[in-house]
Amino acid sequence: MEEKYLKSLIQKLNRNNNNELIHLRPLSSSVEFAKVWVNKPKLQKNISDINGPYNFYFIKNEDDIYVSNVLDMGSDLHWFVDKKFRRNGYLTKALREIILSHLFQDRNEQRITIDKSQIGEENSIASENVAVSLGFKKLNEKEFLLSGDNYCNDFYIDGINSFIPEEKIDELKNRIKYLAQSLKMIQSEVEMKLGLADYVEELEETVKTLNRHAIELKEIWFEQNPD
């Protein structure tokens, strides 16, 4: 992803304007794990799965301002620090204390690519300094590798639950019910025009599952918010 887009995500969070496209889960007071969508899903021709979600980490400073983010692409990491907050160690500290340990809970090693031709010499030198300080070993001119052995924790970093208002839960519940009704309409059309009894039965079970989830979501919310 381009630096412009990574910067725009930080700006949206600082303006408290994520448009429901950024779903955050705090891992610490300064680092939040996130699922980020490029756009809201909508009905259109040739719908693509590339819309998201993408795994991100967002980093805040001591004033609770978002200053940096890290895109987890699995085989690579792409990080960005707002120019106003560079050379303060926010990225390195977050990677060392939280992010890499969280990543290594489901992988044994992490590769990154630092390409001077794409990010420029100054950014390339800064990124390489961060990587080396974290223990990444240089494989060639562009690739670096870090083993997870140095970032194994005795505890699992699961994150911190956030409060969801009841009206928001009701909205999510209605969304699930909408999906169930939409699928029910598809099921009836397929049944009437194509038959396909076995397939129609599978759709019916999916509809029942969605309706059950709508009910369970509200029940779980009440369990977590008894008052």
Protein backbone atom coordinates (compact mmCIF):
# COMPACT_ATOMS: atom_id res chain seq x y z
CA MET A 1 0.00 0.00 0.00
CA GLU A 2 1.15 3.53 -0.71
CA GLU A 3 2.46 5.80 2.04
CA LYS A 4 -0.37 8.23 1.27
CA TYR A 5 -2.97 5.62 2.26
CA LEU A 6 -1.12 4.60 5.42
CA LYS A 7 -0.95 8.25 6.44
CA SER A 8 -4.67 8.74 5.73
CA LEU A 9 -5.55 5.95 8.19
CA ILE A 10 -3.64 7.70 10.97
CA GLN A 11 -5.37 10.98 10.14
CA LYS A 12 -8.81 9.32 10.26
CA LEU A 13 -8.13 7.86 13.68
CA ASN A 14 -6.83 11.13 15.07
CA ARG A 15 -9.97 12.84 13.79
CA ASN A 16 -12.08 10.04 15.27
CA ASN A 17 -13.41 9.43 11.77
CA ASN A 18 -12.88 5.79 10.86
CA ASN A 19 -16.26 5.42 9.09
CA GLU A 20 -16.64 1.90 10.51
CA LEU A 21 -13.81 0.73 8.26
CA ILE A 22 -11.24 0.40 11.06
CA HIS A 23 -11.99 -2.08 13.86
CA LEU A 24 -9.54 -1.69 16.74
CA ARG A 25 -8.50 -4.01 19.58
CA PRO A 26 -6.03 -2.54 22.12
CA LEU A 27 -3.01 -4.70 22.90
CA SER A 28 -1.50 -2.14 25.28
CA SER A 29 -1.88 1.54 26.14
CA SER A 30 0.06 2.52 23.02
CA VAL A 31 -0.52 -0.28 20.48
CA GLU A 32 -3.78 -1.39 18.88
CA PHE A 33 -4.34 -4.31 16.55
CA ALA A 34 -6.84 -3.59 13.78
CA LYS A 35 -8.84 -5.04 10.93
CA VAL A 36 -9.02 -2.42 8.18
CA TRP A 37 -11.42 -2.39 5.23
CA VAL A 38 -10.73 -0.29 2.15
CA ASN A 39 -14.44 0.22 1.43
CA LYS A 40 -17.75 -0.97 2.82
CA PRO A 41 -18.99 -4.10 1.01
CA LYS A 42 -21.77 -3.28 -1.44
CA LEU A 43 -23.77 -5.10 -4.07
CA GLN A 44 -22.15 -4.69 -7.47
CA LYS A 45 -20.90 -6.68 -10.42
CA ASN A 46 -17.63 -8.59 -10.08
CA ILE A 47 -17.29 -8.18 -6.31
CA SER A 48 -13.68 -8.69 -5.24
CA ASP A 49 -12.37 -10.15 -1.98
CA ILE A 50 -9.41 -7.73 -2.09
CA ASN A 51 -11.50 -5.12 -0.26
CA GLY A 52 -10.23 -6.47 3.06
CA PRO A 53 -9.88 -6.79 5.88
CA TYR A 54 -6.17 -6.07 6.23
CA ASN A 55 -4.27 -6.61 9.48
CA PHE A 56 -2.75 -3.45 10.93
CA TYR A 57 -1.10 -2.23 14.10
CA PHE A 58 -1.61 1.40 15.12
CA ILE A 59 0.81 3.12 17.49
CA LYS A 60 0.03 6.05 19.80
CA ASN A 61 2.36 8.39 21.67
CA GLU A 62 2.17 9.50 25.29
CA ASP A 63 -0.44 12.13 24.35
CA ASP A 64 -2.75 9.46 22.90
CA ILE A 65 -2.08 10.64 19.34
CA TYR A 66 -1.71 8.08 16.57
CA VAL A 67 1.78 8.49 15.12
CA SER A 68 2.58 5.28 13.24
CA ASN A 69 1.16 2.09 11.78
CA VAL A 70 2.36 -1.31 10.59
CA LEU A 71 0.66 -3.31 7.85
CA ASP A 72 1.02 -7.06 8.33
CA MET A 73 1.14 -8.72 4.92
CA GLY A 74 2.23 -12.08 6.30
CA SER A 75 5.36 -12.49 4.24
CA ASP A 76 6.27 -8.82 4.71
CA LEU A 77 5.69 -5.83 6.96
CA HIS A 78 5.12 -2.29 5.74
CA TRP A 79 5.51 0.41 8.37
CA PHE A 80 4.95 4.15 8.35
CA VAL A 81 5.68 6.95 10.83
CA ASP A 82 4.16 10.41 10.52
CA LYS A 83 6.95 12.87 9.66
CA LYS A 84 6.10 15.05 12.66
CA PHE A 85 6.86 12.18 15.02
CA ARG A 86 9.89 10.52 13.47
CA ARG A 87 13.16 9.98 15.34
CA ASN A 88 11.31 9.49 18.62
CA GLY A 89 11.53 5.69 18.74
CA TYR A 90 7.78 5.10 18.77
CA LEU A 91 7.87 2.48 16.00
CA THR A 92 10.91 0.60 17.33
CA LYS A 93 9.54 0.50 20.89
CA ALA A 94 6.13 -0.75 19.77
CA LEU A 95 7.63 -3.42 17.54
CA ARG A 96 10.04 -4.64 20.22
CA GLU A 97 7.61 -4.65 23.15
CA ILE A 98 4.29 -5.67 21.59
CA ILE A 99 3.92 -6.09 17.84
CA LEU A 100 6.59 -8.69 17.07
CA SER A 101 5.58 -10.82 20.06
CA HIS A 102 1.97 -10.66 18.86
CA LEU A 103 2.99 -11.62 15.32
CA PHE A 104 5.10 -14.56 16.48
CA GLN A 105 2.10 -16.11 18.22
CA ASP A 106 1.11 -17.55 14.83
CA ARG A 107 4.40 -17.70 12.88
CA ASN A 108 7.99 -18.76 13.42
CA GLU A 109 9.79 -16.10 11.42
CA GLN A 110 9.17 -12.74 9.79
CA ARG A 111 10.59 -11.38 6.56
CA ILE A 112 10.58 -7.74 5.54
CA THR A 113 11.56 -5.99 2.34
CA ILE A 114 13.32 -2.62 2.31
CA ASP A 115 13.57 -1.36 -1.26
CA LYS A 116 15.46 1.91 -1.68
CA SER A 117 14.12 2.34 -5.20
CA GLN A 118 10.57 2.47 -3.84
CA ILE A 119 10.88 4.40 -0.56
CA GLY A 120 13.98 6.52 -1.17
CA GLU A 121 17.43 6.45 0.38
CA GLU A 122 16.56 8.36 3.58
CA ASN A 123 13.57 6.16 4.42
CA SER A 124 15.54 3.08 3.43
CA ILE A 125 18.37 3.88 5.85
CA ALA A 126 15.89 4.65 8.67
CA SER A 127 13.96 1.41 8.08
CA GLU A 128 17.13 -0.66 7.96
CA ASN A 129 18.30 0.85 11.25
CA VAL A 130 14.97 -0.10 12.85
CA ALA A 131 15.16 -3.63 11.45
CA VAL A 132 18.74 -4.25 12.58
CA SER A 133 18.04 -2.88 16.07
CA LEU A 134 15.19 -5.40 16.38
CA GLY A 135 17.41 -8.32 15.39
CA PHE A 136 16.56 -8.72 11.70
CA LYS A 137 19.37 -10.32 9.69
CA LYS A 138 20.12 -9.05 6.21
CA LEU A 139 19.67 -11.75 3.57
CA ASN A 140 20.39 -9.66 0.49
CA GLU A 141 20.12 -6.06 -0.70
CA LYS A 142 16.38 -5.89 0.00
CA GLU A 143 15.33 -8.75 2.30
CA PHE A 144 15.70 -9.15 6.06
CA LEU A 145 14.73 -12.08 8.27
CA LEU A 146 13.89 -12.31 11.97
CA SER A 147 13.44 -15.54 13.93
CA GLY A 148 10.64 -15.71 16.46
CA ASP A 149 12.88 -17.40 19.04
CA ASN A 150 13.84 -14.05 20.58
CA TYR A 151 10.23 -12.91 20.91
CA CYS A 152 8.57 -15.83 22.67
CA ASN A 153 6.40 -14.85 25.65
CA ASP A 154 5.16 -16.95 28.55
CA PHE A 155 1.78 -15.24 28.17
CA TYR A 156 -0.60 -14.87 25.23
CA ILE A 157 -1.27 -11.35 23.98
CA ASP A 158 -5.02 -11.47 23.41
CA GLY A 159 -5.90 -7.79 23.60
CA ILE A 160 -8.38 -5.77 25.63
CA ASN A 161 -12.15 -5.85 25.14
CA SER A 162 -13.86 -2.54 24.38
CA PHE A 163 -17.37 -1.51 25.39
CA ILE A 164 -20.06 -1.55 22.69
CA PRO A 165 -23.25 0.42 23.39
CA GLU A 166 -26.51 -1.53 23.29
CA GLU A 167 -27.78 0.50 20.32
CA LYS A 168 -24.70 -0.54 18.34
CA ILE A 169 -25.29 -4.19 19.22
CA ASP A 170 -28.89 -3.83 18.05
CA GLU A 171 -27.63 -2.37 14.77
CA LEU A 172 -25.24 -5.29 14.26
CA LYS A 173 -28.00 -7.74 15.16
CA ASN A 174 -30.27 -6.18 12.52
CA ARG A 175 -27.49 -6.39 9.95
CA ILE A 176 -27.20 -10.13 10.56
CA LYS A 177 -30.97 -10.53 10.26
CA TYR A 178 -30.87 -8.54 7.01
CA LEU A 179 -28.26 -10.94 5.65
CA ALA A 180 -30.46 -13.88 6.67
CA GLN A 181 -33.52 -12.41 4.91
CA SER A 182 -31.51 -11.63 1.78
CA LEU A 183 -30.16 -15.16 1.66
CA LYS A 184 -33.68 -16.52 2.22
CA MET A 185 -34.84 -14.63 -0.89
CA ILE A 186 -31.95 -16.11 -2.89
CA GLN A 187 -32.85 -19.56 -1.59
CA SER A 188 -36.49 -19.26 -2.67
CA GLU A 189 -35.54 -18.10 -6.17
CA VAL A 190 -33.04 -20.93 -6.64
CA GLU A 191 -35.58 -23.43 -5.33
CA MET A 192 -38.34 -22.29 -7.66
CA LYS A 193 -36.24 -21.91 -10.81
CA LEU A 194 -33.49 -24.49 -10.50
CA GLY A 195 -34.70 -27.08 -8.01
CA LEU A 196 -31.36 -28.19 -6.56
CA ALA A 197 -32.91 -29.65 -3.41
CA ASP A 198 -29.60 -30.45 -1.66
CA TYR A 199 -28.17 -27.00 -2.35
CA VAL A 200 -31.38 -25.28 -1.25
CA GLU A 201 -31.29 -27.27 1.98
CA GLU A 202 -27.73 -26.04 2.64
CA LEU A 203 -28.85 -22.44 2.08
CA GLU A 204 -31.74 -22.97 4.49
CA GLU A 205 -29.32 -24.18 7.18
CA THR A 206 -27.16 -21.10 6.61
CA VAL A 207 -30.22 -18.87 7.04
CA LYS A 208 -31.03 -20.60 10.33
CA THR A 209 -27.42 -20.16 11.46
CA LEU A 210 -27.47 -16.45 10.71
CA ASN A 211 -30.73 -15.95 12.60
CA ARG A 212 -29.30 -17.87 15.56
CA HIS A 213 -26.19 -15.67 15.54
CA ALA A 214 -28.35 -12.54 15.64
CA ILE A 215 -29.95 -13.80 18.86
CA GLU A 216 -26.68 -15.04 20.36
CA LEU A 217 -24.94 -11.72 19.76
CA LYS A 218 -27.41 -9.87 21.96
CA GLU A 219 -27.33 -12.63 24.61
CA ILE A 220 -23.52 -12.50 24.77
CA TRP A 221 -23.66 -8.71 25.12
CA PHE A 222 -26.07 -9.02 28.09
CA GLU A 223 -23.76 -11.58 29.73
CA GLN A 224 -20.85 -9.13 29.50
CA ASN A 225 -22.98 -6.17 30.60
CA PRO A 226 -25.26 -7.51 33.36
CA ASP A 227 -26.05 -4.03 34.67
